[in-house]
Amino acid sequence: MGGSEMIKSDLLGALARGYCSDKNSGKTVDPDLINAMADELLLLYCKIQGNFNDPRCPHEQDGTLNKSDFYKEIEQAINRNSKENGSNTPDWVLAAYLERSLKLFDACINMRERYYGRQLYDRTVLKTKKE
């Protein structure tokens, strides 16, 4: 998981946990609002750091969110096929889950290969490499 994805994932978790407090437990979770707040906090982080080229910053200079092409394609495919309806989960949440699941799977495979002393796989070009 890249820096910006990890930061956003942490922010989303923290914002969602806010609904778990006694004061907020009766409120309805609004995933769109949580996502928008996380994006705003990430943008604020990038502005404070003054470096939109930082790998932890998922935004362009104009403040728009820079999503990977893969993420966008997954999100669009989910929406186009109405796959969010089965779980009543927004397409962007499902797309993030699928993208992160693949990255986690890659990391687990590399952990296994390291354990057995075998070559690691470069997940971007699908060829083996020595560590």
N, C-alpha and C. Protein backbone atom coordinates (compact mmCIF):
# COMPACT_ATOMS: atom_id res chain seq x y z
N MET A 1 0.85 -1.16 0.00
CA MET A 1 0.00 0.00 0.00
C MET A 1 0.89 1.22 0.00
N GLY A 2 0.64 2.15 -0.93
CA GLY A 2 1.44 3.36 -1.03
C GLY A 2 1.17 4.31 0.13
N GLY A 3 1.99 5.35 0.22
CA GLY A 3 1.86 6.30 1.32
C GLY A 3 0.51 6.98 1.40
N SER A 4 0.02 7.50 0.26
CA SER A 4 -1.25 8.21 0.29
C SER A 4 -2.40 7.27 0.58
N GLU A 5 -2.34 6.04 0.07
CA GLU A 5 -3.42 5.08 0.33
C GLU A 5 -3.45 4.70 1.79
N MET A 6 -2.27 4.56 2.39
CA MET A 6 -2.20 4.19 3.79
C MET A 6 -2.73 5.34 4.65
N ILE A 7 -2.33 6.56 4.33
CA ILE A 7 -2.82 7.71 5.09
C ILE A 7 -4.33 7.82 4.96
N LYS A 8 -4.85 7.70 3.72
CA LYS A 8 -6.30 7.82 3.54
C LYS A 8 -7.02 6.68 4.26
N SER A 9 -6.51 5.49 4.19
CA SER A 9 -7.12 4.36 4.87
C SER A 9 -7.17 4.62 6.37
N ASP A 10 -6.08 5.14 6.93
CA ASP A 10 -6.04 5.47 8.35
C ASP A 10 -7.05 6.56 8.69
N LEU A 11 -7.15 7.58 7.81
CA LEU A 11 -8.11 8.66 8.04
C LEU A 11 -9.54 8.14 7.98
N LEU A 12 -9.83 7.31 6.98
CA LEU A 12 -11.18 6.76 6.86
C LEU A 12 -11.54 5.95 8.10
N GLY A 13 -10.60 5.16 8.58
CA GLY A 13 -10.84 4.38 9.79
C GLY A 13 -11.09 5.26 11.00
N ALA A 14 -10.28 6.30 11.14
CA ALA A 14 -10.44 7.21 12.28
C ALA A 14 -11.77 7.94 12.22
N LEU A 15 -12.14 8.41 11.04
CA LEU A 15 -13.42 9.11 10.90
C LEU A 15 -14.60 8.17 11.16
N ALA A 16 -14.50 6.95 10.67
CA ALA A 16 -15.58 5.98 10.90
C ALA A 16 -15.68 5.62 12.38
N ARG A 17 -14.53 5.52 13.05
CA ARG A 17 -14.56 5.19 14.49
C ARG A 17 -15.23 6.28 15.31
N GLY A 18 -15.26 7.48 14.76
CA GLY A 18 -15.96 8.57 15.45
C GLY A 18 -17.43 8.26 15.67
N TYR A 19 -18.00 7.43 14.81
CA TYR A 19 -19.39 7.03 14.96
C TYR A 19 -19.58 6.02 16.09
N CYS A 20 -18.50 5.46 16.59
CA CYS A 20 -18.58 4.43 17.64
C CYS A 20 -18.67 5.01 19.04
N SER A 21 -18.40 6.30 19.18
CA SER A 21 -18.46 6.89 20.52
C SER A 21 -19.92 6.91 21.01
N ASP A 22 -20.10 6.95 22.32
CA ASP A 22 -21.45 6.98 22.89
C ASP A 22 -22.26 8.15 22.32
N LYS A 23 -21.60 9.27 22.18
CA LYS A 23 -22.28 10.48 21.70
C LYS A 23 -22.78 10.33 20.27
N ASN A 24 -22.05 9.59 19.43
CA ASN A 24 -22.39 9.49 18.01
C ASN A 24 -22.95 8.13 17.60
N SER A 25 -23.08 7.19 18.52
CA SER A 25 -23.45 5.82 18.15
C SER A 25 -24.82 5.71 17.50
N GLY A 26 -25.71 6.63 17.76
CA GLY A 26 -27.05 6.58 17.17
C GLY A 26 -27.14 7.24 15.81
N LYS A 27 -26.04 7.83 15.34
CA LYS A 27 -26.06 8.54 14.07
C LYS A 27 -25.83 7.57 12.91
N THR A 28 -26.35 7.92 11.77
CA THR A 28 -26.19 7.11 10.57
C THR A 28 -24.85 7.43 9.92
N VAL A 29 -24.08 6.40 9.61
CA VAL A 29 -22.78 6.58 8.95
C VAL A 29 -23.03 7.05 7.52
N ASP A 30 -22.33 8.09 7.12
CA ASP A 30 -22.44 8.61 5.75
C ASP A 30 -21.09 8.41 5.07
N PRO A 31 -20.92 7.32 4.30
CA PRO A 31 -19.63 7.03 3.67
C PRO A 31 -19.17 8.14 2.72
N ASP A 32 -20.10 8.77 2.02
CA ASP A 32 -19.70 9.86 1.11
C ASP A 32 -19.12 11.03 1.89
N LEU A 33 -19.73 11.35 3.01
CA LEU A 33 -19.22 12.44 3.85
C LEU A 33 -17.86 12.08 4.44
N ILE A 34 -17.72 10.83 4.92
CA ILE A 34 -16.44 10.39 5.48
C ILE A 34 -15.34 10.47 4.42
N ASN A 35 -15.64 10.02 3.21
CA ASN A 35 -14.65 10.07 2.12
C ASN A 35 -14.28 11.51 1.78
N ALA A 36 -15.28 12.39 1.72
CA ALA A 36 -15.02 13.79 1.41
C ALA A 36 -14.16 14.44 2.50
N MET A 37 -14.46 14.12 3.76
CA MET A 37 -13.66 14.68 4.87
C MET A 37 -12.22 14.17 4.80
N ALA A 38 -12.04 12.89 4.50
CA ALA A 38 -10.68 12.33 4.38
C ALA A 38 -9.93 13.02 3.26
N ASP A 39 -10.59 13.23 2.12
CA ASP A 39 -9.94 13.94 1.00
C ASP A 39 -9.53 15.34 1.40
N GLU A 40 -10.39 16.04 2.12
CA GLU A 40 -10.07 17.40 2.56
C GLU A 40 -8.90 17.40 3.53
N LEU A 41 -8.86 16.43 4.45
CA LEU A 41 -7.74 16.35 5.38
C LEU A 41 -6.43 16.03 4.65
N LEU A 42 -6.50 15.16 3.64
CA LEU A 42 -5.30 14.86 2.86
C LEU A 42 -4.84 16.09 2.08
N LEU A 43 -5.77 16.82 1.52
CA LEU A 43 -5.42 18.04 0.80
C LEU A 43 -4.77 19.05 1.74
N LEU A 44 -5.33 19.19 2.94
CA LEU A 44 -4.75 20.08 3.94
C LEU A 44 -3.32 19.65 4.27
N TYR A 45 -3.13 18.34 4.45
CA TYR A 45 -1.78 17.81 4.70
C TYR A 45 -0.82 18.22 3.59
N CYS A 46 -1.25 18.03 2.34
CA CYS A 46 -0.39 18.36 1.20
C CYS A 46 -0.06 19.85 1.18
N LYS A 47 -1.07 20.68 1.48
CA LYS A 47 -0.84 22.13 1.48
C LYS A 47 0.13 22.53 2.59
N ILE A 48 -0.04 21.93 3.77
CA ILE A 48 0.85 22.25 4.89
C ILE A 48 2.27 21.82 4.56
N GLN A 49 2.42 20.64 3.96
CA GLN A 49 3.74 20.15 3.58
C GLN A 49 4.32 20.98 2.45
N GLY A 50 3.45 21.60 1.65
CA GLY A 50 3.90 22.42 0.52
C GLY A 50 4.53 21.61 -0.59
N ASN A 51 4.23 20.33 -0.64
CA ASN A 51 4.85 19.48 -1.65
C ASN A 51 3.83 18.50 -2.21
N PHE A 52 3.24 18.85 -3.35
CA PHE A 52 2.26 17.97 -3.97
C PHE A 52 2.94 16.82 -4.70
N ASN A 53 4.26 16.82 -4.77
CA ASN A 53 4.99 15.71 -5.38
C ASN A 53 5.33 14.62 -4.36
N ASP A 54 5.03 14.88 -3.09
CA ASP A 54 5.24 13.90 -2.04
C ASP A 54 4.39 12.67 -2.35
N PRO A 55 4.97 11.47 -2.32
CA PRO A 55 4.20 10.26 -2.64
C PRO A 55 3.01 10.03 -1.70
N ARG A 56 3.02 10.68 -0.55
CA ARG A 56 1.89 10.54 0.37
C ARG A 56 0.74 11.46 0.00
N CYS A 57 0.94 12.33 -1.00
CA CYS A 57 -0.09 13.28 -1.41
C CYS A 57 -0.80 12.77 -2.66
N PRO A 58 -2.07 12.41 -2.54
CA PRO A 58 -2.80 11.88 -3.69
C PRO A 58 -3.45 12.97 -4.54
N HIS A 59 -3.08 14.23 -4.32
CA HIS A 59 -3.72 15.34 -5.01
C HIS A 59 -2.81 15.99 -6.04
N GLU A 60 -3.44 16.59 -7.03
CA GLU A 60 -2.74 17.42 -8.00
C GLU A 60 -2.59 18.81 -7.40
N GLN A 61 -1.84 19.68 -8.06
CA GLN A 61 -1.63 21.04 -7.55
C GLN A 61 -2.95 21.80 -7.35
N ASP A 62 -3.95 21.52 -8.20
CA ASP A 62 -5.22 22.24 -8.09
C ASP A 62 -6.14 21.67 -7.01
N GLY A 63 -5.68 20.64 -6.30
CA GLY A 63 -6.46 20.08 -5.21
C GLY A 63 -7.35 18.92 -5.62
N THR A 64 -7.41 18.58 -6.90
CA THR A 64 -8.24 17.45 -7.31
C THR A 64 -7.55 16.14 -6.91
N LEU A 65 -8.36 15.15 -6.62
CA LEU A 65 -7.84 13.85 -6.18
C LEU A 65 -7.25 13.10 -7.37
N ASN A 66 -6.06 12.58 -7.20
CA ASN A 66 -5.37 11.83 -8.24
C ASN A 66 -5.56 10.34 -7.96
N LYS A 67 -6.59 9.74 -8.57
CA LYS A 67 -6.85 8.31 -8.39
C LYS A 67 -6.12 7.54 -9.47
N SER A 68 -5.66 6.35 -9.16
CA SER A 68 -4.99 5.53 -10.15
C SER A 68 -5.98 5.14 -11.24
N ASP A 69 -5.46 4.88 -12.44
CA ASP A 69 -6.32 4.45 -13.53
C ASP A 69 -7.01 3.14 -13.18
N PHE A 70 -6.28 2.25 -12.53
CA PHE A 70 -6.84 0.96 -12.13
C PHE A 70 -8.03 1.16 -11.21
N TYR A 71 -7.88 2.03 -10.21
CA TYR A 71 -8.96 2.33 -9.26
C TYR A 71 -10.17 2.87 -10.01
N LYS A 72 -9.95 3.81 -10.92
CA LYS A 72 -11.06 4.41 -11.68
C LYS A 72 -11.78 3.36 -12.51
N GLU A 73 -11.02 2.48 -13.15
CA GLU A 73 -11.65 1.44 -13.97
C GLU A 73 -12.47 0.48 -13.12
N ILE A 74 -11.96 0.10 -11.97
CA ILE A 74 -12.72 -0.78 -11.07
C ILE A 74 -14.00 -0.09 -10.63
N GLU A 75 -13.86 1.16 -10.20
CA GLU A 75 -15.02 1.92 -9.72
C GLU A 75 -16.07 2.03 -10.82
N GLN A 76 -15.65 2.33 -12.04
CA GLN A 76 -16.58 2.46 -13.16
C GLN A 76 -17.24 1.11 -13.50
N ALA A 77 -16.45 0.02 -13.47
CA ALA A 77 -17.01 -1.30 -13.77
C ALA A 77 -18.05 -1.70 -12.72
N ILE A 78 -17.76 -1.43 -11.46
CA ILE A 78 -18.71 -1.74 -10.39
C ILE A 78 -20.00 -0.96 -10.62
N ASN A 79 -19.86 0.33 -10.92
CA ASN A 79 -21.02 1.17 -11.13
C ASN A 79 -21.80 0.75 -12.38
N ARG A 80 -21.08 0.50 -13.47
CA ARG A 80 -21.71 0.13 -14.74
C ARG A 80 -22.51 -1.16 -14.61
N ASN A 81 -22.04 -2.10 -13.78
CA ASN A 81 -22.69 -3.38 -13.60
C ASN A 81 -23.55 -3.44 -12.33
N SER A 82 -23.71 -2.31 -11.67
CA SER A 82 -24.53 -2.20 -10.44
C SER A 82 -24.14 -3.21 -9.38
N LYS A 83 -22.86 -3.52 -9.27
CA LYS A 83 -22.39 -4.51 -8.30
C LYS A 83 -22.41 -3.97 -6.87
N GLU A 84 -22.61 -2.68 -6.69
CA GLU A 84 -22.69 -2.12 -5.35
C GLU A 84 -24.05 -2.42 -4.70
N ASN A 85 -25.03 -2.81 -5.52
CA ASN A 85 -26.39 -3.03 -5.01
C ASN A 85 -26.48 -4.21 -4.04
N GLY A 86 -25.70 -5.26 -4.27
CA GLY A 86 -25.78 -6.45 -3.43
C GLY A 86 -25.48 -6.18 -1.97
N SER A 87 -24.55 -5.27 -1.71
CA SER A 87 -24.17 -4.98 -0.32
C SER A 87 -24.58 -3.56 0.10
N ASN A 88 -25.19 -2.82 -0.83
CA ASN A 88 -25.55 -1.42 -0.56
C ASN A 88 -24.32 -0.63 -0.10
N THR A 89 -23.21 -0.87 -0.80
CA THR A 89 -21.94 -0.23 -0.50
C THR A 89 -21.55 0.65 -1.68
N PRO A 90 -21.15 1.90 -1.45
CA PRO A 90 -20.78 2.76 -2.57
C PRO A 90 -19.66 2.15 -3.42
N ASP A 91 -19.73 2.41 -4.72
CA ASP A 91 -18.76 1.83 -5.64
C ASP A 91 -17.33 2.20 -5.30
N TRP A 92 -17.10 3.42 -4.79
CA TRP A 92 -15.74 3.83 -4.46
C TRP A 92 -15.18 3.03 -3.29
N VAL A 93 -16.05 2.62 -2.37
CA VAL A 93 -15.60 1.81 -1.23
C VAL A 93 -15.20 0.42 -1.73
N LEU A 94 -16.03 -0.16 -2.60
CA LEU A 94 -15.72 -1.48 -3.15
C LEU A 94 -14.45 -1.44 -4.00
N ALA A 95 -14.29 -0.36 -4.79
CA ALA A 95 -13.09 -0.23 -5.62
C ALA A 95 -11.84 -0.14 -4.75
N ALA A 96 -11.91 0.64 -3.68
CA ALA A 96 -10.77 0.76 -2.77
C ALA A 96 -10.47 -0.59 -2.11
N TYR A 97 -11.52 -1.31 -1.71
CA TYR A 97 -11.34 -2.62 -1.10
C TYR A 97 -10.64 -3.58 -2.06
N LEU A 98 -11.11 -3.64 -3.30
CA LEU A 98 -10.52 -4.55 -4.29
C LEU A 98 -9.08 -4.19 -4.60
N GLU A 99 -8.82 -2.89 -4.78
CA GLU A 99 -7.45 -2.46 -5.09
C GLU A 99 -6.51 -2.79 -3.93
N ARG A 100 -6.95 -2.52 -2.72
CA ARG A 100 -6.10 -2.80 -1.54
C ARG A 100 -5.94 -4.30 -1.32
N SER A 101 -6.99 -5.06 -1.61
CA SER A 101 -6.90 -6.52 -1.47
C SER A 101 -5.83 -7.09 -2.38
N LEU A 102 -5.78 -6.61 -3.61
CA LEU A 102 -4.75 -7.07 -4.54
C LEU A 102 -3.35 -6.70 -4.06
N LYS A 103 -3.20 -5.49 -3.54
CA LYS A 103 -1.89 -5.06 -3.04
C LYS A 103 -1.48 -5.88 -1.83
N LEU A 104 -2.44 -6.16 -0.95
CA LEU A 104 -2.14 -6.98 0.22
C LEU A 104 -1.78 -8.39 -0.20
N PHE A 105 -2.49 -8.94 -1.18
CA PHE A 105 -2.18 -10.27 -1.68
C PHE A 105 -0.75 -10.31 -2.21
N ASP A 106 -0.36 -9.29 -3.00
CA ASP A 106 1.01 -9.21 -3.52
C ASP A 106 2.02 -9.21 -2.37
N ALA A 107 1.75 -8.41 -1.34
CA ALA A 107 2.66 -8.33 -0.20
C ALA A 107 2.76 -9.68 0.51
N CYS A 108 1.64 -10.38 0.65
CA CYS A 108 1.66 -11.69 1.31
C CYS A 108 2.45 -12.71 0.50
N ILE A 109 2.29 -12.68 -0.81
CA ILE A 109 3.05 -13.59 -1.67
C ILE A 109 4.55 -13.32 -1.50
N ASN A 110 4.93 -12.06 -1.47
CA ASN A 110 6.35 -11.73 -1.29
C ASN A 110 6.86 -12.12 0.10
N MET A 111 6.01 -12.02 1.11
CA MET A 111 6.41 -12.49 2.44
C MET A 111 6.66 -13.99 2.41
N ARG A 112 5.78 -14.72 1.75
CA ARG A 112 5.95 -16.17 1.64
C ARG A 112 7.24 -16.51 0.90
N GLU A 113 7.50 -15.81 -0.21
CA GLU A 113 8.70 -16.08 -0.99
C GLU A 113 9.96 -15.76 -0.18
N ARG A 114 9.92 -14.67 0.59
CA ARG A 114 11.05 -14.33 1.45
C ARG A 114 11.28 -15.43 2.48
N TYR A 115 10.21 -15.92 3.06
CA TYR A 115 10.29 -16.97 4.07
C TYR A 115 10.98 -18.20 3.51
N TYR A 116 10.64 -18.58 2.29
CA TYR A 116 11.23 -19.77 1.67
C TYR A 116 12.54 -19.47 0.95
N GLY A 117 13.01 -18.22 1.00
CA GLY A 117 14.28 -17.87 0.37
C GLY A 117 14.23 -17.86 -1.15
N ARG A 118 13.05 -17.64 -1.69
CA ARG A 118 12.90 -17.63 -3.15
C ARG A 118 12.88 -16.21 -3.67
N GLN A 119 12.92 -16.10 -5.00
CA GLN A 119 12.90 -14.79 -5.65
C GLN A 119 11.58 -14.08 -5.38
N LEU A 120 11.66 -12.76 -5.27
CA LEU A 120 10.46 -11.95 -5.10
C LEU A 120 9.91 -11.56 -6.46
N TYR A 121 8.62 -11.28 -6.49
CA TYR A 121 7.98 -10.89 -7.73
C TYR A 121 7.72 -9.39 -7.74
N ASP A 122 8.09 -8.76 -8.84
CA ASP A 122 7.82 -7.33 -9.02
C ASP A 122 6.38 -7.24 -9.49
N ARG A 123 5.52 -6.68 -8.65
CA ARG A 123 4.10 -6.69 -8.98
C ARG A 123 3.71 -5.74 -10.10
N THR A 124 4.61 -4.87 -10.53
CA THR A 124 4.23 -3.94 -11.59
C THR A 124 4.51 -4.50 -12.97
N VAL A 125 5.49 -5.37 -13.11
CA VAL A 125 5.82 -5.91 -14.43
C VAL A 125 5.76 -7.43 -14.50
N LEU A 126 5.38 -8.06 -13.41
CA LEU A 126 5.22 -9.51 -13.35
C LEU A 126 6.43 -10.29 -13.81
N LYS A 127 7.59 -9.90 -13.35
CA LYS A 127 8.78 -10.66 -13.60
C LYS A 127 9.53 -10.84 -12.29
N THR A 128 10.37 -11.81 -12.20
CA THR A 128 11.06 -12.06 -10.95
C THR A 128 12.23 -11.10 -10.80
N LYS A 129 12.59 -10.87 -9.56
CA LYS A 129 13.75 -10.03 -9.27
C LYS A 129 14.42 -10.56 -8.02
N LYS A 130 15.69 -10.31 -7.88
CA LYS A 130 16.43 -10.66 -6.65
C LYS A 130 16.36 -9.48 -5.70
N GLU A 131 16.20 -9.77 -4.43
CA GLU A 131 16.17 -8.67 -3.46
C GLU A 131 17.57 -8.39 -2.98
